Amino acid sequence: MSAIAQLEDVSDEMIYALARRVIICSMREFDRVWESANKICDRYQVKGIAAS
């Protein structure tokens, strides 16, 4: 395998690893916001848009 091909493989792996970390962190933050929104809706007995 040529040096350029090896460099491309390594850079692809690094980009995918970084993307996975960003997505996982974003999903954790989304989950926290979703849980908070559900607690607020439960507190005020909001059923949702479809129920109104």
PDB file of N, CA and C in Angstrom:
ATOM      1  N   MET A   1       0.854  -1.165   0.000  1.00  0.00           N
ATOM      2  CA  MET A   1       0.000   0.000   0.000  1.00  0.00           C
ATOM      3  C   MET A   1       0.907   1.237   0.000  1.00  0.00           C
ATOM      4  N   SER A   2       0.559   2.199  -0.800  1.00  0.00           N
ATOM      5  CA  SER A   2       1.380   3.399  -0.905  1.00  0.00           C
ATOM      6  C   SER A   2       1.213   4.281   0.334  1.00  0.00           C
ATOM      7  N   ALA A   3       2.148   5.193   0.505  1.00  0.00           N
ATOM      8  CA  ALA A   3       2.116   6.089   1.658  1.00  0.00           C
ATOM      9  C   ALA A   3       0.878   6.986   1.619  1.00  0.00           C
ATOM     10  N   ILE A   4       0.486   7.406   0.448  1.00  0.00           N
ATOM     11  CA  ILE A   4      -0.701   8.265   0.315  1.00  0.00           C
ATOM     12  C   ILE A   4      -1.958   7.490   0.705  1.00  0.00           C
ATOM     13  N   ALA A   5      -2.057   6.253   0.278  1.00  0.00           N
ATOM     14  CA  ALA A   5      -3.215   5.424   0.620  1.00  0.00           C
ATOM     15  C   ALA A   5      -3.261   5.173   2.126  1.00  0.00           C
ATOM     16  N   GLN A   6      -2.109   4.938   2.739  1.00  0.00           N
ATOM     17  CA  GLN A   6      -2.063   4.726   4.184  1.00  0.00           C
ATOM     18  C   GLN A   6      -2.493   5.993   4.931  1.00  0.00           C
ATOM     19  N   LEU A   7      -2.005   7.131   4.470  1.00  0.00           N
ATOM     20  CA  LEU A   7      -2.378   8.398   5.092  1.00  0.00           C
ATOM     21  C   LEU A   7      -3.877   8.645   4.962  1.00  0.00           C
ATOM     22  N   GLU A   8      -4.428   8.312   3.818  1.00  0.00           N
ATOM     23  CA  GLU A   8      -5.867   8.472   3.607  1.00  0.00           C
ATOM     24  C   GLU A   8      -6.665   7.582   4.552  1.00  0.00           C
ATOM     25  N   ASP A   9      -6.229   6.335   4.731  1.00  0.00           N
ATOM     26  CA  ASP A   9      -6.914   5.425   5.642  1.00  0.00           C
ATOM     27  C   ASP A   9      -6.869   5.940   7.082  1.00  0.00           C
ATOM     28  N   VAL A  10      -5.708   6.407   7.491  1.00  0.00           N
ATOM     29  CA  VAL A  10      -5.558   6.919   8.855  1.00  0.00           C
ATOM     30  C   VAL A  10      -6.413   8.158   9.056  1.00  0.00           C
ATOM     31  N   SER A  11      -6.411   9.058   8.084  1.00  0.00           N
ATOM     32  CA  SER A  11      -7.215  10.271   8.220  1.00  0.00           C
ATOM     33  C   SER A  11      -8.703   9.945   8.227  1.00  0.00           C
ATOM     34  N   ASP A  12      -9.136   8.978   7.439  1.00  0.00           N
ATOM     35  CA  ASP A  12     -10.540   8.555   7.456  1.00  0.00           C
ATOM     36  C   ASP A  12     -10.935   8.023   8.827  1.00  0.00           C
ATOM     37  N   GLU A  13     -10.074   7.202   9.422  1.00  0.00           N
ATOM     38  CA  GLU A  13     -10.357   6.647  10.740  1.00  0.00           C
ATOM     39  C   GLU A  13     -10.456   7.758  11.785  1.00  0.00           C
ATOM     40  N   MET A  14      -9.571   8.742  11.696  1.00  0.00           N
ATOM     41  CA  MET A  14      -9.595   9.861  12.650  1.00  0.00           C
ATOM     42  C   MET A  14     -10.867  10.679  12.490  1.00  0.00           C
ATOM     43  N   ILE A  15     -11.271  10.932  11.265  1.00  0.00           N
ATOM     44  CA  ILE A  15     -12.487  11.714  11.013  1.00  0.00           C
ATOM     45  C   ILE A  15     -13.714  10.969  11.529  1.00  0.00           C
ATOM     46  N   TYR A  16     -13.797   9.674  11.277  1.00  0.00           N
ATOM     47  CA  TYR A  16     -14.934   8.890  11.754  1.00  0.00           C
ATOM     48  C   TYR A  16     -14.971   8.848  13.282  1.00  0.00           C
ATOM     49  N   ALA A  17     -13.814   8.703  13.918  1.00  0.00           N
ATOM     50  CA  ALA A  17     -13.753   8.673  15.378  1.00  0.00           C
ATOM     51  C   ALA A  17     -14.223  10.008  15.957  1.00  0.00           C
ATOM     52  N   LEU A  18     -13.781  11.091  15.378  1.00  0.00           N
ATOM     53  CA  LEU A  18     -14.195  12.418  15.836  1.00  0.00           C
ATOM     54  C   LEU A  18     -15.697  12.616  15.639  1.00  0.00           C
ATOM     55  N   ALA A  19     -16.205  12.216  14.495  1.00  0.00           N
ATOM     56  CA  ALA A  19     -17.636  12.353  14.209  1.00  0.00           C
ATOM     57  C   ALA A  19     -18.470  11.549  15.208  1.00  0.00           C
ATOM     58  N   ARG A  20     -18.032  10.342  15.532  1.00  0.00           N
ATOM     59  CA  ARG A  20     -18.761   9.526  16.514  1.00  0.00           C
ATOM     60  C   ARG A  20     -18.796  10.216  17.872  1.00  0.00           C
ATOM     61  N   ARG A  21     -17.679  10.800  18.286  1.00  0.00           N
ATOM     62  CA  ARG A  21     -17.641  11.486  19.579  1.00  0.00           C
ATOM     63  C   ARG A  21     -18.582  12.685  19.595  1.00  0.00           C
ATOM     64  N   VAL A  22     -18.597  13.448  18.523  1.00  0.00           N
ATOM     65  CA  VAL A  22     -19.467  14.624  18.448  1.00  0.00           C
ATOM     66  C   VAL A  22     -20.923  14.199  18.498  1.00  0.00           C
ATOM     67  N   ILE A  23     -21.277  13.170  17.754  1.00  0.00           N
ATOM     68  CA  ILE A  23     -22.665  12.707  17.715  1.00  0.00           C
ATOM     69  C   ILE A  23     -23.103  12.178  19.071  1.00  0.00           C
ATOM     70  N   ILE A  24     -22.241  11.409  19.721  1.00  0.00           N
ATOM     71  CA  ILE A  24     -22.586  10.849  21.032  1.00  0.00           C
ATOM     72  C   ILE A  24     -22.795  11.961  22.047  1.00  0.00           C
ATOM     73  N   CYS A  25     -21.919  12.967  22.057  1.00  0.00           N
ATOM     74  CA  CYS A  25     -22.082  14.093  22.985  1.00  0.00           C
ATOM     75  C   CYS A  25     -23.364  14.851  22.684  1.00  0.00           C
ATOM     76  N   SER A  26     -23.663  15.051  21.418  1.00  0.00           N
ATOM     77  CA  SER A  26     -24.882  15.768  21.039  1.00  0.00           C
ATOM     78  C   SER A  26     -26.123  14.993  21.468  1.00  0.00           C
ATOM     79  N   MET A  27     -26.081  13.696  21.328  1.00  0.00           N
ATOM     80  CA  MET A  27     -27.247  12.889  21.706  1.00  0.00           C
ATOM     81  C   MET A  27     -27.449  12.920  23.216  1.00  0.00           C
ATOM     82  N   ARG A  28     -26.369  12.927  23.975  1.00  0.00           N
ATOM     83  CA  ARG A  28     -26.514  13.016  25.438  1.00  0.00           C
ATOM     84  C   ARG A  28     -27.179  14.325  25.818  1.00  0.00           C
ATOM     85  N   GLU A  29     -26.742  15.410  25.198  1.00  0.00           N
ATOM     86  CA  GLU A  29     -27.330  16.718  25.487  1.00  0.00           C
ATOM     87  C   GLU A  29     -28.801  16.740  25.075  1.00  0.00           C
ATOM     88  N   PHE A  30     -29.124  16.165  23.925  1.00  0.00           N
ATOM     89  CA  PHE A  30     -30.512  16.086  23.464  1.00  0.00           C
ATOM     90  C   PHE A  30     -31.356  15.306  24.464  1.00  0.00           C
ATOM     91  N   ASP A  31     -30.824  14.187  24.956  1.00  0.00           N
ATOM     92  CA  ASP A  31     -31.567  13.379  25.922  1.00  0.00           C
ATOM     93  C   ASP A  31     -31.875  14.167  27.186  1.00  0.00           C
ATOM     94  N   ARG A  32     -30.914  14.974  27.653  1.00  0.00           N
ATOM     95  CA  ARG A  32     -31.144  15.779  28.855  1.00  0.00           C
ATOM     96  C   ARG A  32     -32.239  16.818  28.614  1.00  0.00           C
ATOM     97  N   VAL A  33     -32.208  17.460  27.471  1.00  0.00           N
ATOM     98  CA  VAL A  33     -33.237  18.452  27.149  1.00  0.00           C
ATOM     99  C   VAL A  33     -34.595  17.777  27.022  1.00  0.00           C
ATOM    100  N   TRP A  34     -34.627  16.612  26.372  1.00  0.00           N
ATOM    101  CA  TRP A  34     -35.893  15.876  26.190  1.00  0.00           C
ATOM    102  C   TRP A  34     -36.488  15.491  27.543  1.00  0.00           C
ATOM    103  N   GLU A  35     -35.654  14.992  28.449  1.00  0.00           N
ATOM    104  CA  GLU A  35     -36.136  14.606  29.773  1.00  0.00           C
ATOM    105  C   GLU A  35     -36.676  15.815  30.534  1.00  0.00           C
ATOM    106  N   SER A  36     -35.978  16.940  30.440  1.00  0.00           N
ATOM    107  CA  SER A  36     -36.449  18.158  31.112  1.00  0.00           C
ATOM    108  C   SER A  36     -37.786  18.620  30.539  1.00  0.00           C
ATOM    109  N   ALA A  37     -37.914  18.583  29.221  1.00  0.00           N
ATOM    110  CA  ALA A  37     -39.169  18.982  28.578  1.00  0.00           C
ATOM    111  C   ALA A  37     -40.310  18.063  29.012  1.00  0.00           C
ATOM    112  N   ASN A  38     -40.040  16.778  29.115  1.00  0.00           N
ATOM    113  CA  ASN A  38     -41.079  15.839  29.559  1.00  0.00           C
ATOM    114  C   ASN A  38     -41.505  16.121  30.997  1.00  0.00           C
ATOM    115  N   LYS A  39     -40.541  16.454  31.864  1.00  0.00           N
ATOM    116  CA  LYS A  39     -40.875  16.771  33.251  1.00  0.00           C
ATOM    117  C   LYS A  39     -41.764  18.006  33.328  1.00  0.00           C
ATOM    118  N   ILE A  40     -41.441  19.013  32.517  1.00  0.00           N
ATOM    119  CA  ILE A  40     -42.247  20.244  32.505  1.00  0.00           C
ATOM    120  C   ILE A  40     -43.652  19.942  32.009  1.00  0.00           C
ATOM    121  N   CYS A  41     -43.752  19.167  30.935  1.00  0.00           N
ATOM    122  CA  CYS A  41     -45.072  18.808  30.395  1.00  0.00           C
ATOM    123  C   CYS A  41     -45.877  18.006  31.411  1.00  0.00           C
ATOM    124  N   ASP A  42     -45.213  17.097  32.116  1.00  0.00           N
ATOM    125  CA  ASP A  42     -45.909  16.316  33.140  1.00  0.00           C
ATOM    126  C   ASP A  42     -46.394  17.212  34.274  1.00  0.00           C
ATOM    127  N   ARG A  43     -45.562  18.153  34.669  1.00  0.00           N
ATOM    128  CA  ARG A  43     -45.926  19.044  35.772  1.00  0.00           C
ATOM    129  C   ARG A  43     -47.168  19.855  35.428  1.00  0.00           C
ATOM    130  N   TYR A  44     -47.235  20.346  34.200  1.00  0.00           N
ATOM    131  CA  TYR A  44     -48.369  21.184  33.796  1.00  0.00           C
ATOM    132  C   TYR A  44     -49.432  20.402  33.043  1.00  0.00           C
ATOM    133  N   GLN A  45     -49.316  19.102  33.052  1.00  0.00           N
ATOM    134  CA  GLN A  45     -50.257  18.187  32.426  1.00  0.00           C
ATOM    135  C   GLN A  45     -50.530  18.553  30.970  1.00  0.00           C
ATOM    136  N   VAL A  46     -49.470  18.794  30.243  1.00  0.00           N
ATOM    137  CA  VAL A  46     -49.563  19.095  28.825  1.00  0.00           C
ATOM    138  C   VAL A  46     -49.549  17.770  28.077  1.00  0.00           C
ATOM    139  N   LYS A  47     -50.572  17.549  27.277  1.00  0.00           N
ATOM    140  CA  LYS A  47     -50.681  16.287  26.547  1.00  0.00           C
ATOM    141  C   LYS A  47     -49.938  16.308  25.231  1.00  0.00           C
ATOM    142  N   GLY A  48     -49.758  17.431  24.624  1.00  0.00           N
ATOM    143  CA  GLY A  48     -49.082  17.537  23.346  1.00  0.00           C
ATOM    144  C   GLY A  48     -49.920  18.315  22.348  1.00  0.00           C
ATOM    145  N   ILE A  49     -49.351  18.609  21.237  1.00  0.00           N
ATOM    146  CA  ILE A  49     -50.023  19.404  20.207  1.00  0.00           C
ATOM    147  C   ILE A  49     -51.211  18.626  19.616  1.00  0.00           C
ATOM    148  N   ALA A  50     -51.049  17.331  19.400  1.00  0.00           N
ATOM    149  CA  ALA A  50     -52.081  16.538  18.756  1.00  0.00           C
ATOM    150  C   ALA A  50     -53.354  16.468  19.607  1.00  0.00           C
ATOM    151  N   ALA A  51     -53.228  16.574  20.912  1.00  0.00           N
ATOM    152  CA  ALA A  51     -54.382  16.452  21.802  1.00  0.00           C
ATOM    153  C   ALA A  51     -55.184  17.742  21.917  1.00  0.00           C
ATOM    154  N   SER A  52     -54.632  18.871  21.437  1.00  0.00           N
ATOM    155  CA  SER A  52     -55.340  20.139  21.612  1.00  0.00           C
ATOM    156  C   SER A  52     -56.305  20.450  20.523  1.00  0.00           C
TER     157      SER A  52
END
